[in-house]
Amino acid sequence: MNARLLIDYSADDQFGLSVDDALTRSSSDAASVTLRLYTYQSCVLVGRFQHVHDEVNLDRCAELGVPVNRRPTGGGSIIMGPDQLGIALVIPPDSELAGQKSTSLMKSCAKGIVRALRAFDLDAKFRGKNDMVVSGRKIAGLGLYQAQGGGILFHASLLLDLDINFMLTVLKTAFENTSDRGLSAVSQRIATLRSEVGVDLSVSDLMKAVKLGYEKEFSMHLLRGHLSPQEQSLANQLNASQYCSKQWIYQSGSRIRDQVGHYKLRTDGGTLDVRAIVAKRTLKSVFLNGNFIASDNAISDLENSLRWHITDADALNRTIERSHLKNRQFWDRISATEITDAVLGAIGQTEIDSVEFAPNSCFARSGAIQ
């Protein structure tokens, strides 16, 4: 089977993300998968369901001239640059892979990376919901995105090398200071190809290994290609309308001007970060964020079903269970009960705590993909 290979060096954050999104949305027109391998100019990328202000040191990014953007895929905040290999595998909607549940699909899509690392005598394993580890240390982060009416995007950031000092400067982590102790603590948790292999590998060497890994794992022949005129046009549109948009990047800053309750709940599938907008006994809107993995369709369906809903716990639970059942294959180890608990927790915060307010009066999901 022939498949398409795209290679880019030093992509900027806006257009790099736009290309991945455009490939995914238009993948129903593609005859086979597309593998895109690329590096970025230095930037910070947050996951689809995260809050930028909670994840990124925006003042330091501004001082250093480091752009910040939001991926269409879930997962955590990352830095990207010349020593971090971006991997995008785009799967058409009629592919056999597309019918898998999120966890299984993630592992299936990542097998090419596992095969590539094996070529360097590294035994990669999966840990948690979206980490790949070598010798117990993280070497790659993984994410998924399902486009409405399109295909599936698998994202990975594979560490050829990493400037941990820089990472601690621009990201808000458990180790925010750049002391020797903080650097040591992070170094013990992160692996890179260069540190594990012990030789000065180039990004081109790594690209060749990943290409061969996917060819062997999926029994396909990757042919170097380029964007079609339609894909290029869509990428240009998404670049202008979404990935250059502050509304997309800083979504949590454009919420409804109303009473907002905020609640976080840790689950086996990740942290649910819920904001509920409440007026008396009416739940006007709910916004789900966090570092969990789920499809945009599942999130949108749940949020839409809870607009202008009564705050009665039993009624909320029934509505959430219906939405969860309809999209159960796209919720990765997060139960309907846990979502209900998180939503009720957020509603409860509007009654007992000082509340926050968000500007504007829009009750649609800000920045949602249509």
Protein backbone atom coordinates (compact mmCIF):
# COMPACT_ATOMS: atom_id res chain seq x y z
CA MET A 1 0.00 0.00 0.00
CA ASN A 2 1.28 3.43 -0.93
CA ALA A 3 0.86 6.35 1.47
CA ARG A 4 1.93 9.99 1.46
CA LEU A 5 4.90 11.42 3.33
CA LEU A 6 5.19 15.14 4.04
CA ILE A 7 8.36 16.63 5.54
CA ASP A 8 8.76 20.17 6.83
CA TYR A 9 11.52 21.92 8.72
CA SER A 10 11.14 24.95 10.99
CA ALA A 11 7.38 25.41 10.59
CA ASP A 12 5.83 28.33 12.44
CA ASP A 13 3.24 27.42 15.05
CA GLN A 14 0.24 28.93 13.26
CA PHE A 15 0.70 27.43 9.84
CA GLY A 16 2.13 24.16 11.16
CA LEU A 17 -1.04 23.52 13.16
CA SER A 18 -3.21 24.70 10.28
CA VAL A 19 -1.68 22.14 7.93
CA ASP A 20 -2.31 19.23 10.33
CA ASP A 21 -5.90 20.37 10.85
CA ALA A 22 -6.51 20.86 7.13
CA LEU A 23 -5.15 17.40 6.32
CA THR A 24 -7.48 15.88 8.91
CA ARG A 25 -10.61 17.73 7.84
CA SER A 26 -10.08 16.87 4.18
CA SER A 27 -8.89 13.29 4.75
CA SER A 28 -12.20 11.83 3.56
CA ASP A 29 -11.00 12.73 0.04
CA ALA A 30 -7.68 10.92 0.53
CA ALA A 31 -7.12 7.37 -0.68
CA SER A 32 -4.73 6.48 2.16
CA VAL A 33 -3.04 7.78 5.28
CA THR A 34 -0.66 10.72 5.38
CA LEU A 35 2.40 10.83 7.62
CA ARG A 36 3.80 14.30 8.26
CA LEU A 37 7.20 14.70 9.94
CA TYR A 38 8.32 18.19 10.89
CA THR A 39 10.08 20.51 13.27
CA TYR A 40 8.84 23.85 14.58
CA GLN A 41 10.40 27.17 15.22
CA SER A 42 10.55 27.46 19.03
CA CYS A 43 7.03 27.73 20.45
CA VAL A 44 4.71 26.57 23.20
CA LEU A 45 1.67 24.46 22.34
CA VAL A 46 -1.10 23.68 24.81
CA GLY A 47 -3.56 20.80 24.51
CA ARG A 48 -7.02 21.23 23.06
CA PHE A 49 -8.80 21.26 26.43
CA GLN A 50 -6.31 23.20 28.54
CA HIS A 51 -6.36 26.77 29.90
CA VAL A 52 -3.40 28.75 28.60
CA HIS A 53 -3.08 30.91 31.73
CA ASP A 54 -2.87 27.78 33.91
CA GLU A 55 -0.23 26.11 31.76
CA VAL A 56 2.06 28.80 30.35
CA ASN A 57 4.21 31.56 31.80
CA LEU A 58 2.91 34.16 29.35
CA ASP A 59 5.06 36.99 30.67
CA ARG A 60 8.27 35.05 30.10
CA CYS A 61 7.08 33.92 26.64
CA ALA A 62 6.44 37.54 25.73
CA GLU A 63 9.86 38.60 27.00
CA LEU A 64 11.59 35.85 25.03
CA GLY A 65 9.45 36.25 21.91
CA VAL A 66 8.13 32.67 22.12
CA PRO A 67 4.72 32.23 20.44
CA VAL A 68 1.94 30.29 22.15
CA ASN A 69 -0.76 28.32 20.37
CA ARG A 70 -3.37 25.60 20.90
CA ARG A 71 -3.33 22.17 19.25
CA PRO A 72 -6.50 20.53 17.95
CA THR A 73 -5.42 17.37 19.80
CA GLY A 74 -5.71 16.74 23.52
CA GLY A 75 -2.90 16.13 25.98
CA GLY A 76 -0.61 18.43 27.91
CA SER A 77 1.39 21.58 27.21
CA ILE A 78 4.69 21.14 25.39
CA ILE A 79 7.55 23.11 23.91
CA MET A 80 8.48 22.50 20.28
CA GLY A 81 11.57 23.48 18.34
CA PRO A 82 14.39 22.15 16.16
CA ASP A 83 15.14 19.24 18.52
CA GLN A 84 11.57 18.03 18.99
CA LEU A 85 10.18 15.96 16.12
CA GLY A 86 6.52 16.57 15.35
CA ILE A 87 4.69 13.52 14.03
CA ALA A 88 1.22 13.77 12.50
CA LEU A 89 -0.52 10.63 11.23
CA VAL A 90 -3.76 11.44 9.42
CA ILE A 91 -6.24 8.57 9.08
CA PRO A 92 -9.20 8.70 6.64
CA PRO A 93 -12.62 8.10 8.24
CA ASP A 94 -13.17 4.85 6.32
CA SER A 95 -9.94 3.28 7.62
CA GLU A 96 -10.17 0.18 9.82
CA LEU A 97 -8.19 2.07 12.46
CA ALA A 98 -10.87 4.76 12.71
CA GLY A 99 -13.32 2.36 14.39
CA GLN A 100 -11.11 1.75 17.43
CA LYS A 101 -11.64 3.26 20.87
CA SER A 102 -9.38 6.15 21.84
CA THR A 103 -6.88 4.18 23.95
CA SER A 104 -6.51 1.38 21.40
CA LEU A 105 -6.32 3.86 18.53
CA MET A 106 -3.60 5.85 20.29
CA LYS A 107 -1.47 2.75 20.75
CA SER A 108 -2.07 1.55 17.19
CA CYS A 109 -1.03 4.89 15.72
CA ALA A 110 2.08 5.02 17.90
CA LYS A 111 3.39 1.60 16.85
CA GLY A 112 5.46 3.16 14.10
CA ILE A 113 7.30 5.22 16.73
CA VAL A 114 7.83 2.16 18.91
CA ARG A 115 9.32 0.35 15.89
CA ALA A 116 11.54 3.35 15.10
CA LEU A 117 12.91 3.49 18.65
CA ARG A 118 13.59 -0.22 18.55
CA ALA A 119 16.05 0.48 15.73
CA PHE A 120 18.09 2.45 18.31
CA ASP A 121 17.86 -0.48 20.78
CA LEU A 122 15.29 1.41 22.86
CA ASP A 123 12.30 -0.44 24.30
CA ALA A 124 9.44 2.07 24.32
CA LYS A 125 6.31 1.46 26.38
CA PHE A 126 3.03 3.29 26.98
CA ARG A 127 2.34 4.91 30.33
CA GLY A 128 -0.83 6.61 31.47
CA LYS A 129 -3.19 7.92 28.84
CA ASN A 130 -0.81 9.64 26.43
CA ASP A 131 2.86 9.16 27.35
CA MET A 132 5.52 6.99 25.74
CA VAL A 133 8.43 6.11 28.00
CA VAL A 134 11.89 4.60 27.70
CA SER A 135 13.40 3.13 30.88
CA GLY A 136 10.52 4.68 32.79
CA ARG A 137 11.20 8.21 31.50
CA LYS A 138 8.98 10.13 29.08
CA ILE A 139 10.32 10.43 25.55
CA ALA A 140 7.15 11.32 23.64
CA GLY A 141 3.72 12.83 24.23
CA LEU A 142 0.71 11.64 22.23
CA GLY A 143 -2.68 13.13 21.32
CA LEU A 144 -5.76 12.50 19.18
CA TYR A 145 -8.30 14.65 17.35
CA GLN A 146 -11.35 13.57 15.39
CA ALA A 147 -12.56 16.15 12.89
CA GLN A 148 -16.28 16.50 12.29
CA GLY A 149 -16.96 15.04 8.87
CA GLY A 150 -13.28 14.22 8.44
CA GLY A 151 -10.71 11.80 9.69
CA ILE A 152 -8.53 11.32 12.73
CA LEU A 153 -5.29 13.10 13.59
CA PHE A 154 -2.68 11.37 15.73
CA HIS A 155 -0.11 13.79 17.13
CA ALA A 156 3.20 12.98 18.77
CA SER A 157 6.16 15.06 19.92
CA LEU A 158 9.29 12.91 20.05
CA LEU A 159 12.26 14.26 21.98
CA LEU A 160 15.51 14.19 20.05
CA ASP A 161 16.81 16.62 22.67
CA LEU A 162 15.35 19.08 25.18
CA ASP A 163 16.42 22.32 26.83
CA ILE A 164 14.94 21.65 30.25
CA ASN A 165 15.91 25.07 31.58
CA PHE A 166 13.95 26.70 28.76
CA MET A 167 10.98 24.39 29.36
CA LEU A 168 10.86 25.31 33.05
CA THR A 169 11.03 28.99 32.11
CA VAL A 170 8.05 29.07 29.75
CA LEU A 171 5.80 26.33 31.17
CA LYS A 172 4.11 26.19 34.54
CA THR A 173 5.08 22.80 35.92
CA ALA A 174 5.54 21.15 39.29
CA PHE A 175 9.15 22.37 39.00
CA GLU A 176 8.78 26.02 38.11
CA ASN A 177 12.18 27.16 39.32
CA THR A 178 15.36 26.56 37.36
CA SER A 179 17.52 25.63 40.34
CA ASP A 180 19.88 22.67 40.10
CA ARG A 181 17.39 20.68 42.16
CA GLY A 182 14.52 21.49 39.83
CA LEU A 183 16.55 20.69 36.73
CA SER A 184 17.65 17.39 38.25
CA ALA A 185 14.09 16.42 39.17
CA VAL A 186 12.84 16.98 35.62
CA SER A 187 15.89 15.28 34.07
CA GLN A 188 15.04 12.15 36.02
CA ARG A 189 11.59 12.06 34.43
CA ILE A 190 12.44 12.85 30.79
CA ALA A 191 14.45 10.91 28.23
CA THR A 192 15.79 12.12 24.89
CA LEU A 193 17.16 10.16 21.94
CA ARG A 194 20.58 11.76 22.20
CA SER A 195 20.93 11.04 25.90
CA GLU A 196 19.70 7.45 25.56
CA VAL A 197 21.65 6.52 22.42
CA GLY A 198 24.77 8.43 23.36
CA VAL A 199 25.50 9.78 19.89
CA ASP A 200 24.75 13.09 18.22
CA LEU A 201 21.77 12.03 16.09
CA SER A 202 20.35 14.58 13.64
CA VAL A 203 16.67 15.25 13.16
CA SER A 204 17.04 13.87 9.62
CA ASP A 205 18.34 10.59 11.07
CA LEU A 206 15.30 10.45 13.34
CA MET A 207 12.89 11.23 10.49
CA LYS A 208 14.35 8.37 8.44
CA ALA A 209 13.94 5.98 11.37
CA VAL A 210 10.33 7.03 12.00
CA LYS A 211 9.49 6.75 8.30
CA LEU A 212 10.90 3.22 8.18
CA GLY A 213 9.15 2.34 11.44
CA TYR A 214 5.74 3.25 10.02
CA GLU A 215 6.46 1.50 6.72
CA LYS A 216 7.32 -1.74 8.49
CA GLU A 217 4.56 -1.56 11.09
CA PHE A 218 1.77 -0.73 8.64
CA SER A 219 3.15 -2.62 5.61
CA MET A 220 3.06 0.52 3.48
CA HIS A 221 5.39 2.43 1.21
CA LEU A 222 5.64 6.13 2.05
CA LEU A 223 6.10 8.32 -1.01
CA ARG A 224 7.26 11.92 -0.63
CA GLY A 225 4.38 14.23 -1.57
CA HIS A 226 2.97 17.70 -1.09
CA LEU A 227 -0.28 19.42 -0.16
CA SER A 228 -3.03 19.41 -2.75
CA PRO A 229 -4.38 22.82 -3.85
CA GLN A 230 -7.53 22.13 -1.81
CA GLU A 231 -5.52 21.25 1.32
CA GLN A 232 -3.34 24.32 0.87
CA SER A 233 -6.41 26.53 0.54
CA LEU A 234 -8.03 25.05 3.64
CA ALA A 235 -4.79 25.43 5.61
CA ASN A 236 -4.66 29.11 4.61
CA GLN A 237 -8.26 29.57 5.77
CA LEU A 238 -7.64 27.84 9.11
CA ASN A 239 -4.45 29.82 9.63
CA ALA A 240 -6.34 33.10 9.26
CA SER A 241 -9.57 32.17 11.04
CA GLN A 242 -8.40 29.91 13.85
CA TYR A 243 -4.71 29.49 14.57
CA CYS A 244 -4.00 33.22 14.38
CA SER A 245 -7.05 33.92 16.54
CA LYS A 246 -6.72 34.92 20.19
CA GLN A 247 -10.22 33.55 20.71
CA TRP A 248 -8.92 30.09 19.78
CA ILE A 249 -5.65 30.31 21.69
CA TYR A 250 -7.05 31.96 24.85
CA GLN A 251 -10.44 30.27 24.86
CA SER A 252 -11.03 30.46 28.58
CA GLY A 253 -10.68 34.25 28.41
CA SER A 254 -13.69 34.66 26.14
CA ARG A 255 -16.28 32.91 28.26
CA ILE A 256 -19.69 34.10 29.25
CA ARG A 257 -20.08 37.13 31.51
CA ASP A 258 -22.03 35.35 34.20
CA GLN A 259 -21.51 33.51 37.46
CA VAL A 260 -18.83 30.87 36.94
CA GLY A 261 -18.02 27.93 39.18
CA HIS A 262 -14.72 26.10 38.68
CA TYR A 263 -13.99 22.52 39.72
CA LYS A 264 -11.23 20.01 38.96
CA LEU A 265 -11.58 16.25 39.31
CA ARG A 266 -8.79 13.75 38.74
CA THR A 267 -9.79 10.52 36.99
CA ASP A 268 -7.96 7.54 35.52
CA GLY A 269 -8.47 9.19 32.12
CA GLY A 270 -7.03 12.54 33.12
CA THR A 271 -8.11 15.69 34.95
CA LEU A 272 -11.56 17.11 34.24
CA ASP A 273 -11.41 20.90 34.52
CA VAL A 274 -15.02 22.13 34.48
CA ARG A 275 -16.47 25.63 34.41
CA ALA A 276 -20.19 25.96 34.96
CA ILE A 277 -22.15 29.14 34.23
CA VAL A 278 -25.17 29.33 36.49
CA ALA A 279 -28.11 31.71 36.98
CA LYS A 280 -30.18 30.70 40.00
CA ARG A 281 -31.34 27.11 39.23
CA THR A 282 -30.45 27.24 35.54
CA LEU A 283 -27.22 25.88 34.18
CA LYS A 284 -26.59 28.12 31.20
CA SER A 285 -23.42 26.44 29.94
CA VAL A 286 -20.70 23.98 30.87
CA PHE A 287 -17.17 24.00 29.47
CA LEU A 288 -14.95 20.96 29.79
CA ASN A 289 -11.19 21.36 29.70
CA GLY A 290 -8.26 19.46 31.13
CA ASN A 291 -5.61 17.01 29.98
CA PHE A 292 -7.94 14.14 29.13
CA ILE A 293 -8.40 12.53 25.73
CA ALA A 294 -11.79 12.70 24.01
CA SER A 295 -13.15 13.61 20.60
CA ASP A 296 -14.47 17.07 19.78
CA ASN A 297 -17.78 15.44 18.87
CA ALA A 298 -18.16 13.89 22.32
CA ILE A 299 -17.26 17.14 24.10
CA SER A 300 -19.56 19.24 21.92
CA ASP A 301 -22.46 16.81 22.33
CA LEU A 302 -22.13 16.86 26.10
CA GLU A 303 -21.79 20.63 26.34
CA ASN A 304 -24.69 21.19 23.96
CA SER A 305 -26.93 18.83 25.93
CA LEU A 306 -26.26 20.78 29.15
CA ARG A 307 -27.05 24.27 27.85
CA TRP A 308 -29.96 25.90 29.68
CA HIS A 309 -30.37 22.80 31.82
CA ILE A 310 -31.87 22.72 35.31
CA THR A 311 -29.30 22.19 38.06
CA ASP A 312 -31.13 19.23 39.62
CA ALA A 313 -28.56 16.49 40.24
CA ASP A 314 -30.70 13.57 39.06
CA ALA A 315 -31.76 15.34 35.87
CA LEU A 316 -28.14 16.29 35.13
CA ASN A 317 -26.97 12.73 35.69
CA ARG A 318 -29.58 11.35 33.27
CA THR A 319 -28.59 13.84 30.56
CA ILE A 320 -24.88 13.18 31.00
CA GLU A 321 -25.41 9.40 30.94
CA ARG A 322 -27.31 9.66 27.63
CA SER A 323 -24.57 11.73 26.02
CA HIS A 324 -21.82 9.52 27.43
CA LEU A 325 -23.54 6.34 26.19
CA LYS A 326 -23.92 7.77 22.69
CA ASN A 327 -20.20 8.66 22.52
CA ARG A 328 -18.76 6.07 24.89
CA GLN A 329 -16.07 4.92 22.43
CA PHE A 330 -14.55 8.42 22.46
CA TRP A 331 -14.26 8.81 26.24
CA ASP A 332 -10.95 7.42 27.43
CA ARG A 333 -11.41 5.92 30.93
CA ILE A 334 -13.75 8.71 32.06
CA SER A 335 -17.16 7.60 33.30
CA ALA A 336 -20.50 9.41 33.17
CA THR A 337 -20.53 9.42 36.97
CA GLU A 338 -17.19 11.23 37.10
CA ILE A 339 -18.39 13.85 34.61
CA THR A 340 -21.55 14.35 36.70
CA ASP A 341 -19.49 14.74 39.88
CA ALA A 342 -17.26 17.34 38.20
CA VAL A 343 -20.22 19.32 36.82
CA LEU A 344 -22.01 19.28 40.19
CA GLY A 345 -18.75 20.33 41.86
CA ALA A 346 -18.50 23.34 39.56
CA ILE A 347 -22.15 24.25 40.19
CA GLY A 348 -21.53 23.98 43.91
CA GLN A 349 -18.65 26.45 43.73
CA THR A 350 -20.98 29.17 42.45
CA GLU A 351 -22.94 28.88 45.70
CA ILE A 352 -20.15 28.81 48.29
CA ASP A 353 -17.13 30.61 46.85
CA SER A 354 -16.37 33.99 45.40
CA VAL A 355 -16.99 33.52 41.70
CA GLU A 356 -15.18 34.63 38.60
CA PHE A 357 -16.67 36.46 35.65
CA ALA A 358 -15.85 36.15 32.00
CA PRO A 359 -16.42 38.85 29.37
CA ASN A 360 -19.02 38.91 26.60
CA SER A 361 -22.37 37.16 26.51
CA CYS A 362 -21.96 34.24 24.14
CA PHE A 363 -23.39 30.88 25.12
CA ALA A 364 -21.75 28.88 22.35
CA ARG A 365 -18.58 26.88 22.93
CA SER A 366 -15.90 29.45 22.25
CA GLY A 367 -13.47 28.37 19.58
CA ALA A 368 -15.15 25.01 18.97
CA ILE A 369 -14.46 23.37 15.65
CA GLN A 370 -17.51 23.41 13.44
